[in-house]
N, C-alpha and C. Protein backbone atom coordinates (compact mmCIF):
# COMPACT_ATOMS: atom_id res chain seq x y z
N MET A 1 -0.36 -1.34 -11.80
CA MET A 1 1.02 -1.64 -11.57
C MET A 1 1.88 -0.64 -12.30
N VAL A 2 2.84 -0.18 -11.62
CA VAL A 2 3.75 0.78 -12.14
C VAL A 2 4.75 0.01 -13.12
N THR A 3 5.10 0.80 -14.20
CA THR A 3 6.09 0.19 -15.10
C THR A 3 7.25 1.10 -15.17
N PHE A 4 8.43 0.67 -15.22
CA PHE A 4 9.59 1.48 -15.51
C PHE A 4 10.39 1.12 -16.85
N THR A 5 11.14 2.04 -17.14
CA THR A 5 12.14 1.77 -18.11
C THR A 5 13.43 1.78 -17.53
N CYS A 6 14.23 0.74 -17.82
CA CYS A 6 15.63 0.62 -17.34
C CYS A 6 16.48 1.85 -18.05
N ASN A 7 17.09 2.65 -17.14
CA ASN A 7 17.93 3.68 -17.91
C ASN A 7 19.22 3.23 -18.32
N ASN A 8 19.57 2.09 -18.06
CA ASN A 8 20.86 1.52 -18.30
C ASN A 8 20.86 0.60 -19.70
N CYS A 9 19.62 -0.17 -19.90
CA CYS A 9 19.58 -0.97 -21.11
C CYS A 9 18.38 -0.68 -21.91
N GLY A 10 17.32 0.04 -21.44
CA GLY A 10 16.17 0.47 -22.14
C GLY A 10 15.06 -0.57 -21.97
N ASP A 11 15.14 -1.56 -21.25
CA ASP A 11 14.05 -2.62 -21.27
C ASP A 11 12.86 -2.02 -20.36
N SER A 12 11.60 -2.37 -20.69
CA SER A 12 10.56 -2.07 -19.78
C SER A 12 10.44 -3.24 -18.80
N VAL A 13 10.36 -2.61 -17.39
CA VAL A 13 10.32 -3.65 -16.30
C VAL A 13 9.13 -3.35 -15.37
N LYS A 14 8.42 -4.30 -15.01
CA LYS A 14 7.35 -3.89 -13.90
C LYS A 14 8.05 -3.63 -12.65
N LYS A 15 7.32 -3.13 -11.60
CA LYS A 15 7.88 -2.50 -10.43
C LYS A 15 8.39 -3.85 -9.62
N ASN A 16 7.60 -4.89 -9.74
CA ASN A 16 7.92 -6.06 -8.81
C ASN A 16 9.14 -6.93 -9.40
N ARG A 17 9.55 -6.53 -10.56
CA ARG A 17 10.70 -7.25 -11.35
C ARG A 17 11.99 -6.40 -11.32
N VAL A 18 11.90 -5.19 -10.91
CA VAL A 18 13.06 -4.34 -10.94
C VAL A 18 14.29 -4.90 -10.38
N GLU A 19 14.27 -5.48 -9.21
CA GLU A 19 15.36 -6.06 -8.36
C GLU A 19 16.00 -7.23 -9.29
N LYS A 20 15.14 -8.20 -9.69
CA LYS A 20 15.55 -9.31 -10.48
C LYS A 20 16.24 -8.75 -11.83
N HIS A 21 15.67 -7.66 -12.25
CA HIS A 21 16.31 -7.13 -13.62
C HIS A 21 17.68 -6.76 -13.46
N TYR A 22 17.88 -5.93 -12.20
CA TYR A 22 19.39 -5.49 -11.98
C TYR A 22 20.25 -6.59 -11.47
N SER A 23 19.75 -7.53 -10.87
CA SER A 23 20.49 -8.65 -10.28
C SER A 23 21.10 -9.65 -11.27
N MET A 24 20.13 -9.94 -12.36
CA MET A 24 20.34 -10.99 -13.35
C MET A 24 20.35 -10.64 -14.79
N GLU A 25 19.51 -9.76 -15.16
CA GLU A 25 19.29 -9.61 -16.65
C GLU A 25 19.92 -8.43 -17.28
N CYS A 26 20.21 -7.25 -16.44
CA CYS A 26 20.56 -5.94 -17.12
C CYS A 26 22.11 -6.14 -17.54
N ARG A 27 22.38 -5.67 -18.63
CA ARG A 27 23.71 -5.88 -19.22
C ARG A 27 24.67 -4.82 -18.57
N ARG A 28 24.14 -3.60 -18.11
CA ARG A 28 25.00 -2.71 -17.42
C ARG A 28 24.66 -2.43 -16.10
N LYS A 29 25.32 -3.21 -15.13
CA LYS A 29 24.92 -3.06 -13.81
C LYS A 29 25.95 -1.86 -13.13
N THR A 30 25.31 -0.88 -13.11
CA THR A 30 26.21 0.31 -12.50
C THR A 30 25.54 0.95 -11.26
N GLY A 31 25.96 0.60 -10.12
CA GLY A 31 25.20 1.33 -9.02
C GLY A 31 23.88 0.91 -8.56
N GLY A 32 23.29 -0.15 -9.12
CA GLY A 32 21.85 -0.49 -8.68
C GLY A 32 21.06 -0.03 -9.56
N PRO A 33 19.69 0.12 -9.23
CA PRO A 33 18.58 0.36 -10.09
C PRO A 33 18.69 1.90 -10.48
N ASN A 34 18.37 2.05 -11.66
CA ASN A 34 18.20 3.25 -12.39
C ASN A 34 17.26 3.33 -13.28
N VAL A 35 15.95 3.75 -12.80
CA VAL A 35 14.63 3.65 -13.72
C VAL A 35 13.92 4.70 -13.91
N CYS A 36 13.18 4.74 -15.02
CA CYS A 36 12.39 6.05 -15.31
C CYS A 36 11.00 5.51 -15.38
N CYS A 37 10.00 6.02 -14.61
CA CYS A 37 8.45 5.79 -14.84
C CYS A 37 8.00 6.12 -16.16
N ILE A 38 7.25 5.18 -16.58
CA ILE A 38 6.76 5.27 -17.98
C ILE A 38 5.61 6.39 -18.05
N ASP A 39 4.96 6.46 -17.09
CA ASP A 39 3.70 7.30 -16.92
C ASP A 39 4.08 8.78 -16.63
N CYS A 40 4.92 9.02 -15.61
CA CYS A 40 5.10 10.51 -15.18
C CYS A 40 6.50 10.72 -15.46
N LEU A 41 7.29 10.00 -16.16
CA LEU A 41 8.66 10.45 -16.64
C LEU A 41 9.64 10.90 -15.66
N LYS A 42 9.65 10.38 -14.39
CA LYS A 42 10.51 10.65 -13.33
C LYS A 42 11.51 9.62 -13.14
N ASP A 43 12.66 10.13 -12.93
CA ASP A 43 13.78 9.16 -12.71
C ASP A 43 13.88 8.54 -11.31
N PHE A 44 14.32 7.48 -10.92
CA PHE A 44 14.40 7.02 -9.64
C PHE A 44 15.59 6.03 -9.59
N ARG A 45 16.31 6.09 -8.39
CA ARG A 45 17.47 5.18 -8.22
C ARG A 45 16.81 4.03 -7.26
N GLN A 46 17.29 4.12 -6.09
CA GLN A 46 16.95 3.11 -4.92
C GLN A 46 15.53 3.23 -4.35
N ASP A 47 14.98 4.39 -4.71
CA ASP A 47 13.73 4.78 -4.07
C ASP A 47 12.45 4.54 -5.06
N TYR A 48 12.81 3.82 -5.99
CA TYR A 48 11.60 3.42 -6.91
C TYR A 48 10.43 2.58 -6.23
N ASP A 49 10.78 1.90 -4.96
CA ASP A 49 9.64 1.29 -4.30
C ASP A 49 8.79 2.12 -3.54
N ALA A 50 9.07 3.52 -3.35
CA ALA A 50 8.13 4.35 -2.92
C ALA A 50 7.16 5.04 -3.75
N HIS A 51 7.42 4.66 -5.06
CA HIS A 51 6.51 5.23 -6.21
C HIS A 51 5.37 4.20 -6.39
N THR A 52 4.18 4.44 -5.79
CA THR A 52 3.15 3.54 -5.82
C THR A 52 1.93 4.01 -6.78
N SER A 53 1.93 5.20 -6.99
CA SER A 53 0.86 5.71 -7.84
C SER A 53 1.37 6.88 -8.71
N CYS A 54 0.78 7.05 -9.96
CA CYS A 54 1.30 8.05 -11.07
C CYS A 54 0.19 9.18 -11.12
N GLN A 55 0.51 10.00 -11.92
CA GLN A 55 -0.40 11.00 -12.55
C GLN A 55 -1.18 10.23 -13.55
N THR A 56 -2.29 10.70 -13.91
CA THR A 56 -3.07 10.26 -14.81
C THR A 56 -2.88 10.97 -16.21
N GLU A 57 -3.40 10.43 -17.30
CA GLU A 57 -3.19 11.18 -18.65
C GLU A 57 -3.69 12.48 -18.47
N ASP A 58 -5.00 12.76 -17.90
CA ASP A 58 -5.62 13.99 -17.81
C ASP A 58 -4.67 14.90 -17.16
N GLU A 59 -3.91 14.45 -16.12
CA GLU A 59 -3.20 15.45 -15.36
C GLU A 59 -1.96 15.72 -16.37
N ARG A 60 -1.50 14.69 -16.94
CA ARG A 60 -0.29 15.02 -17.71
C ARG A 60 -0.40 15.84 -18.88
N TYR A 61 -1.43 15.90 -19.58
CA TYR A 61 -1.72 16.55 -20.79
C TYR A 61 -2.73 17.61 -20.78
N SER A 62 -3.15 17.93 -19.83
CA SER A 62 -4.00 19.05 -19.64
C SER A 62 -3.13 20.26 -19.55
N ALA A 63 -3.88 21.39 -19.91
CA ALA A 63 -3.05 22.65 -19.88
C ALA A 63 -2.73 23.06 -18.39
N LYS A 64 -1.56 23.81 -18.22
CA LYS A 64 -1.23 24.11 -16.86
C LYS A 64 -2.22 24.66 -16.00
N GLY A 65 -2.51 24.30 -14.84
CA GLY A 65 -3.54 24.93 -13.96
C GLY A 65 -4.89 24.73 -14.22
N THR A 66 -5.31 23.99 -15.30
CA THR A 66 -6.67 23.65 -15.69
C THR A 66 -7.16 22.37 -15.07
N PHE A 67 -6.44 21.52 -14.82
CA PHE A 67 -6.90 20.10 -14.37
C PHE A 67 -7.43 20.27 -12.95
N VAL A 68 -8.69 19.50 -12.90
CA VAL A 68 -9.26 19.46 -11.54
C VAL A 68 -9.58 17.84 -11.30
N PRO A 69 -8.86 17.37 -10.37
CA PRO A 69 -9.01 15.88 -10.06
C PRO A 69 -10.79 15.50 -9.76
N LYS A 70 -10.92 14.46 -10.31
CA LYS A 70 -12.23 13.93 -9.91
C LYS A 70 -12.49 13.34 -8.59
N GLU A 71 -13.44 13.59 -8.05
CA GLU A 71 -13.73 13.20 -6.49
C GLU A 71 -13.96 11.71 -6.37
N ALA A 72 -14.43 11.20 -7.42
CA ALA A 72 -14.92 9.66 -7.35
C ALA A 72 -13.57 8.77 -7.17
N LYS A 73 -12.56 9.13 -7.85
CA LYS A 73 -11.35 8.27 -7.66
C LYS A 73 -10.72 8.15 -6.35
N ASN A 74 -10.97 9.28 -5.63
CA ASN A 74 -10.38 9.37 -4.35
C ASN A 74 -11.17 8.99 -3.38
N LYS A 75 -12.50 8.56 -3.65
CA LYS A 75 -13.28 7.97 -2.53
C LYS A 75 -12.82 6.71 -1.98
N GLN A 76 -12.26 5.84 -2.68
CA GLN A 76 -11.85 4.60 -2.00
C GLN A 76 -10.62 4.97 -1.15
N GLN A 77 -9.66 5.91 -1.66
CA GLN A 77 -8.67 6.18 -0.76
C GLN A 77 -9.07 6.77 0.55
N LYS A 78 -10.10 7.71 0.57
CA LYS A 78 -10.64 8.28 1.71
C LYS A 78 -11.25 7.09 2.72
N LYS A 79 -11.90 6.15 2.17
CA LYS A 79 -12.44 5.09 2.99
C LYS A 79 -11.27 4.35 3.63
N GLN A 80 -10.22 4.06 2.84
CA GLN A 80 -8.99 3.41 3.45
C GLN A 80 -8.43 4.25 4.32
N MET A 81 -8.17 5.46 4.26
CA MET A 81 -7.59 6.32 5.39
C MET A 81 -8.37 6.38 6.43
N THR A 82 -9.71 6.49 6.42
CA THR A 82 -10.56 6.48 7.57
C THR A 82 -10.37 5.16 8.28
N TRP A 83 -10.34 4.10 7.54
CA TRP A 83 -10.18 2.70 8.21
C TRP A 83 -8.88 2.57 8.77
N SER A 84 -7.94 3.24 8.30
CA SER A 84 -6.68 3.10 8.98
C SER A 84 -6.52 4.05 10.21
N GLU A 85 -7.25 5.14 10.15
CA GLU A 85 -7.32 5.93 11.28
C GLU A 85 -8.11 5.30 12.49
N ILE A 86 -9.22 4.57 12.10
CA ILE A 86 -10.01 3.90 13.24
C ILE A 86 -8.96 2.62 13.82
N ILE A 87 -8.34 2.01 12.77
CA ILE A 87 -7.32 1.04 13.56
C ILE A 87 -6.29 1.60 14.43
N GLN A 88 -5.76 2.82 14.21
CA GLN A 88 -4.92 3.70 15.06
C GLN A 88 -5.64 4.09 16.38
N SER A 89 -6.91 4.42 16.28
CA SER A 89 -7.51 4.90 17.47
C SER A 89 -7.79 3.73 18.29
N VAL A 90 -8.08 2.60 17.86
CA VAL A 90 -8.54 1.34 18.46
C VAL A 90 -7.14 0.74 19.06
N ALA A 91 -6.17 0.99 18.47
CA ALA A 91 -4.84 0.40 19.00
C ALA A 91 -4.22 1.41 20.09
N SER A 92 -4.55 2.52 20.10
CA SER A 92 -4.39 3.44 21.23
C SER A 92 -5.12 3.24 22.60
N GLN A 93 -6.37 2.64 22.48
CA GLN A 93 -7.17 2.10 23.85
C GLN A 93 -6.24 1.33 24.76
N GLU A 94 -6.53 1.46 25.95
CA GLU A 94 -5.66 0.84 26.95
C GLU A 94 -6.28 -0.31 27.59
N ASN A 95 -7.54 -0.53 27.31
CA ASN A 95 -8.31 -1.62 28.02
C ASN A 95 -8.31 -2.95 27.08
N LEU A 96 -7.37 -3.12 26.27
CA LEU A 96 -7.30 -4.30 25.40
C LEU A 96 -6.28 -5.29 25.88
N SER A 97 -6.62 -6.60 25.54
CA SER A 97 -5.58 -7.62 26.00
C SER A 97 -4.34 -7.39 25.19
N GLN A 98 -3.32 -8.13 25.75
CA GLN A 98 -1.88 -8.18 25.03
C GLN A 98 -1.92 -8.64 23.57
N SER A 99 -2.70 -9.72 23.41
CA SER A 99 -2.77 -10.25 22.10
C SER A 99 -3.63 -9.34 21.13
N PHE A 100 -4.50 -8.63 21.56
CA PHE A 100 -5.21 -7.65 20.70
C PHE A 100 -4.36 -6.43 20.41
N LYS A 101 -3.57 -5.99 21.52
CA LYS A 101 -2.53 -4.95 21.10
C LYS A 101 -1.45 -5.43 20.22
N ASP A 102 -1.05 -6.58 20.37
CA ASP A 102 -0.03 -7.17 19.20
C ASP A 102 -0.57 -7.14 17.82
N ILE A 103 -1.74 -7.58 17.76
CA ILE A 103 -2.36 -7.70 16.51
C ILE A 103 -2.68 -6.42 15.98
N LEU A 104 -3.06 -5.53 16.74
CA LEU A 104 -3.24 -4.05 16.26
C LEU A 104 -2.01 -3.25 15.82
N ASP A 105 -0.93 -3.62 16.57
CA ASP A 105 0.42 -3.07 16.19
C ASP A 105 0.85 -3.42 14.87
N ILE A 106 0.64 -4.66 14.46
CA ILE A 106 1.08 -5.21 13.08
C ILE A 106 0.16 -4.62 12.03
N PHE A 107 -1.01 -4.24 12.41
CA PHE A 107 -1.99 -3.59 11.53
C PHE A 107 -1.50 -2.14 11.43
N LYS A 108 -1.11 -1.40 12.34
CA LYS A 108 -0.69 0.02 12.15
C LYS A 108 0.48 0.10 11.24
N ASP A 109 1.21 -0.79 10.99
CA ASP A 109 2.32 -0.76 10.14
C ASP A 109 1.83 -0.85 8.74
N ASN A 110 0.62 -1.42 8.48
CA ASN A 110 0.15 -1.66 6.99
C ASN A 110 -0.93 -0.69 6.65
N GLU A 111 -0.67 -0.09 5.65
CA GLU A 111 -1.92 0.95 5.09
C GLU A 111 -2.93 0.23 4.41
N ASN A 112 -2.76 -0.95 4.02
CA ASN A 112 -3.82 -1.68 3.08
C ASN A 112 -4.42 -2.82 3.86
N VAL A 113 -4.99 -2.63 5.13
CA VAL A 113 -5.62 -3.54 5.81
C VAL A 113 -7.08 -3.64 5.24
N PRO A 114 -7.64 -4.83 4.73
CA PRO A 114 -8.79 -4.88 4.14
C PRO A 114 -10.01 -4.48 5.02
N ARG A 115 -11.12 -4.07 4.56
CA ARG A 115 -12.17 -3.62 5.19
C ARG A 115 -13.32 -4.74 5.15
N LYS A 116 -13.36 -5.53 4.21
CA LYS A 116 -14.23 -6.81 4.20
C LYS A 116 -13.84 -7.98 4.95
N GLU A 117 -14.80 -8.67 5.71
CA GLU A 117 -14.38 -9.76 6.38
C GLU A 117 -13.70 -10.77 5.73
N ALA A 118 -14.13 -11.17 4.57
CA ALA A 118 -13.47 -12.41 3.72
C ALA A 118 -12.02 -12.03 3.56
N LYS A 119 -11.92 -10.88 2.87
CA LYS A 119 -10.55 -10.47 2.56
C LYS A 119 -9.60 -10.14 3.70
N PHE A 120 -10.12 -9.68 4.87
CA PHE A 120 -9.44 -9.49 6.21
C PHE A 120 -8.76 -10.75 6.65
N LYS A 121 -9.90 -11.88 6.53
CA LYS A 121 -9.38 -13.12 6.97
C LYS A 121 -8.08 -13.64 6.10
N ASN A 122 -8.37 -13.49 4.76
CA ASN A 122 -7.19 -14.05 3.80
C ASN A 122 -5.97 -13.32 4.14
N PHE A 123 -5.99 -11.92 4.41
CA PHE A 123 -5.03 -11.15 4.65
C PHE A 123 -4.25 -11.61 5.97
N CYS A 124 -5.00 -12.03 6.86
CA CYS A 124 -4.38 -12.42 8.20
C CYS A 124 -3.74 -13.80 8.05
N LYS A 125 -4.34 -14.54 7.22
CA LYS A 125 -3.91 -15.87 7.01
C LYS A 125 -2.62 -15.81 6.13
N ASN A 126 -2.40 -14.91 5.41
CA ASN A 126 -1.18 -14.72 4.53
C ASN A 126 -0.02 -13.81 5.33
N ASN A 127 -0.44 -13.11 6.14
CA ASN A 127 0.53 -12.32 6.78
C ASN A 127 1.34 -13.18 7.80
N TYR A 128 2.64 -13.21 7.48
CA TYR A 128 3.66 -14.08 8.41
C TYR A 128 3.57 -13.60 9.79
N HIS A 129 3.40 -12.38 10.27
CA HIS A 129 3.64 -11.86 11.67
C HIS A 129 2.17 -12.35 12.34
N LEU A 130 1.14 -12.49 11.55
CA LEU A 130 -0.27 -12.79 12.40
C LEU A 130 -0.40 -14.30 12.41
N ARG A 131 0.34 -15.20 11.87
CA ARG A 131 0.21 -16.49 12.00
C ARG A 131 0.27 -17.06 13.37
N ARG A 132 0.77 -16.48 14.36
CA ARG A 132 0.80 -16.87 15.62
C ARG A 132 -0.41 -16.84 16.58
N PHE A 133 -1.30 -16.01 16.03
CA PHE A 133 -2.56 -15.62 16.64
C PHE A 133 -3.72 -16.60 16.06
N THR A 134 -4.57 -16.64 17.07
CA THR A 134 -5.78 -17.64 16.76
C THR A 134 -6.82 -16.88 15.95
N GLU A 135 -7.53 -17.66 15.04
CA GLU A 135 -8.50 -16.94 14.10
C GLU A 135 -9.51 -16.28 14.99
N LYS A 136 -9.77 -16.81 16.12
CA LYS A 136 -10.90 -16.04 17.19
C LYS A 136 -10.43 -14.75 17.53
N ASP A 137 -8.97 -14.53 18.04
CA ASP A 137 -8.56 -13.36 18.25
C ASP A 137 -8.64 -12.33 17.21
N ILE A 138 -8.18 -12.74 16.08
CA ILE A 138 -8.03 -11.90 14.93
C ILE A 138 -9.57 -11.38 14.64
N MET A 139 -10.46 -12.32 14.47
CA MET A 139 -11.93 -11.96 14.23
C MET A 139 -12.41 -11.05 15.09
N SER A 140 -11.99 -11.19 16.49
CA SER A 140 -12.43 -10.29 17.64
C SER A 140 -11.98 -8.90 17.47
N VAL A 141 -10.75 -8.85 16.97
CA VAL A 141 -10.16 -7.48 16.57
C VAL A 141 -10.87 -6.74 15.49
N PHE A 142 -11.36 -7.83 14.44
CA PHE A 142 -12.02 -7.22 13.29
C PHE A 142 -13.28 -6.70 13.85
N THR A 143 -14.03 -7.38 14.60
CA THR A 143 -15.35 -6.88 15.11
C THR A 143 -15.18 -5.53 15.97
N LEU A 144 -14.18 -5.53 16.67
CA LEU A 144 -13.82 -4.37 17.58
C LEU A 144 -13.64 -3.11 16.57
N ILE A 145 -12.84 -3.20 15.55
CA ILE A 145 -12.62 -2.23 14.64
C ILE A 145 -13.91 -1.94 13.83
N GLN A 146 -14.86 -2.87 13.43
CA GLN A 146 -15.99 -2.47 12.78
C GLN A 146 -16.91 -1.76 13.81
N GLU A 147 -16.94 -2.21 14.98
CA GLU A 147 -17.93 -1.41 15.93
C GLU A 147 -17.42 -0.05 16.11
N GLU A 148 -16.09 0.23 16.19
CA GLU A 148 -15.67 1.60 16.28
C GLU A 148 -15.77 2.39 15.01
N MET A 149 -15.86 1.77 13.90
CA MET A 149 -16.20 2.24 12.65
C MET A 149 -17.72 2.94 12.63
N LYS A 150 -18.44 2.02 13.04
CA LYS A 150 -19.96 2.38 13.21
C LYS A 150 -20.17 3.55 14.09
N LYS A 151 -19.56 3.50 15.25
CA LYS A 151 -19.73 4.74 16.14
C LYS A 151 -19.26 6.09 15.44
N ASN A 152 -18.21 5.98 14.66
CA ASN A 152 -17.76 7.32 14.07
C ASN A 152 -18.51 7.71 12.84
N GLN A 153 -19.34 6.85 12.29
CA GLN A 153 -20.23 7.33 11.06
C GLN A 153 -21.29 8.05 11.45
């Protein structure tokens, strides 16, 4: 979780509490959110939502040009990017039913679609836009995506 410092009053605020802080708690409400990330020391105004990851301490405190990122940390991101690309390719197929296309269109908008079946079910149950589809359709789409993933590996 990214933590910010309010540039107006100096309070520490977690990312999911920034809006509440500026609407109710901040003493100096001037032009909306004005925050600074604690980790990377970058200032943000309305675009603080886009700040999802920061630089590590190694990146921040190493000598200029000497930092080499570790491959292991990016492994999960690569898997998720591959999973998202598979979803994009399955969504572009033309031989799908309309409900499958609708489900995949919703998934195309999300970068964090789970890869495990149990988490996928929970994600779909909690997603407002997916509640109108049957569990059978959703699980059929999941198996379709998994089959495509196995073909590409």
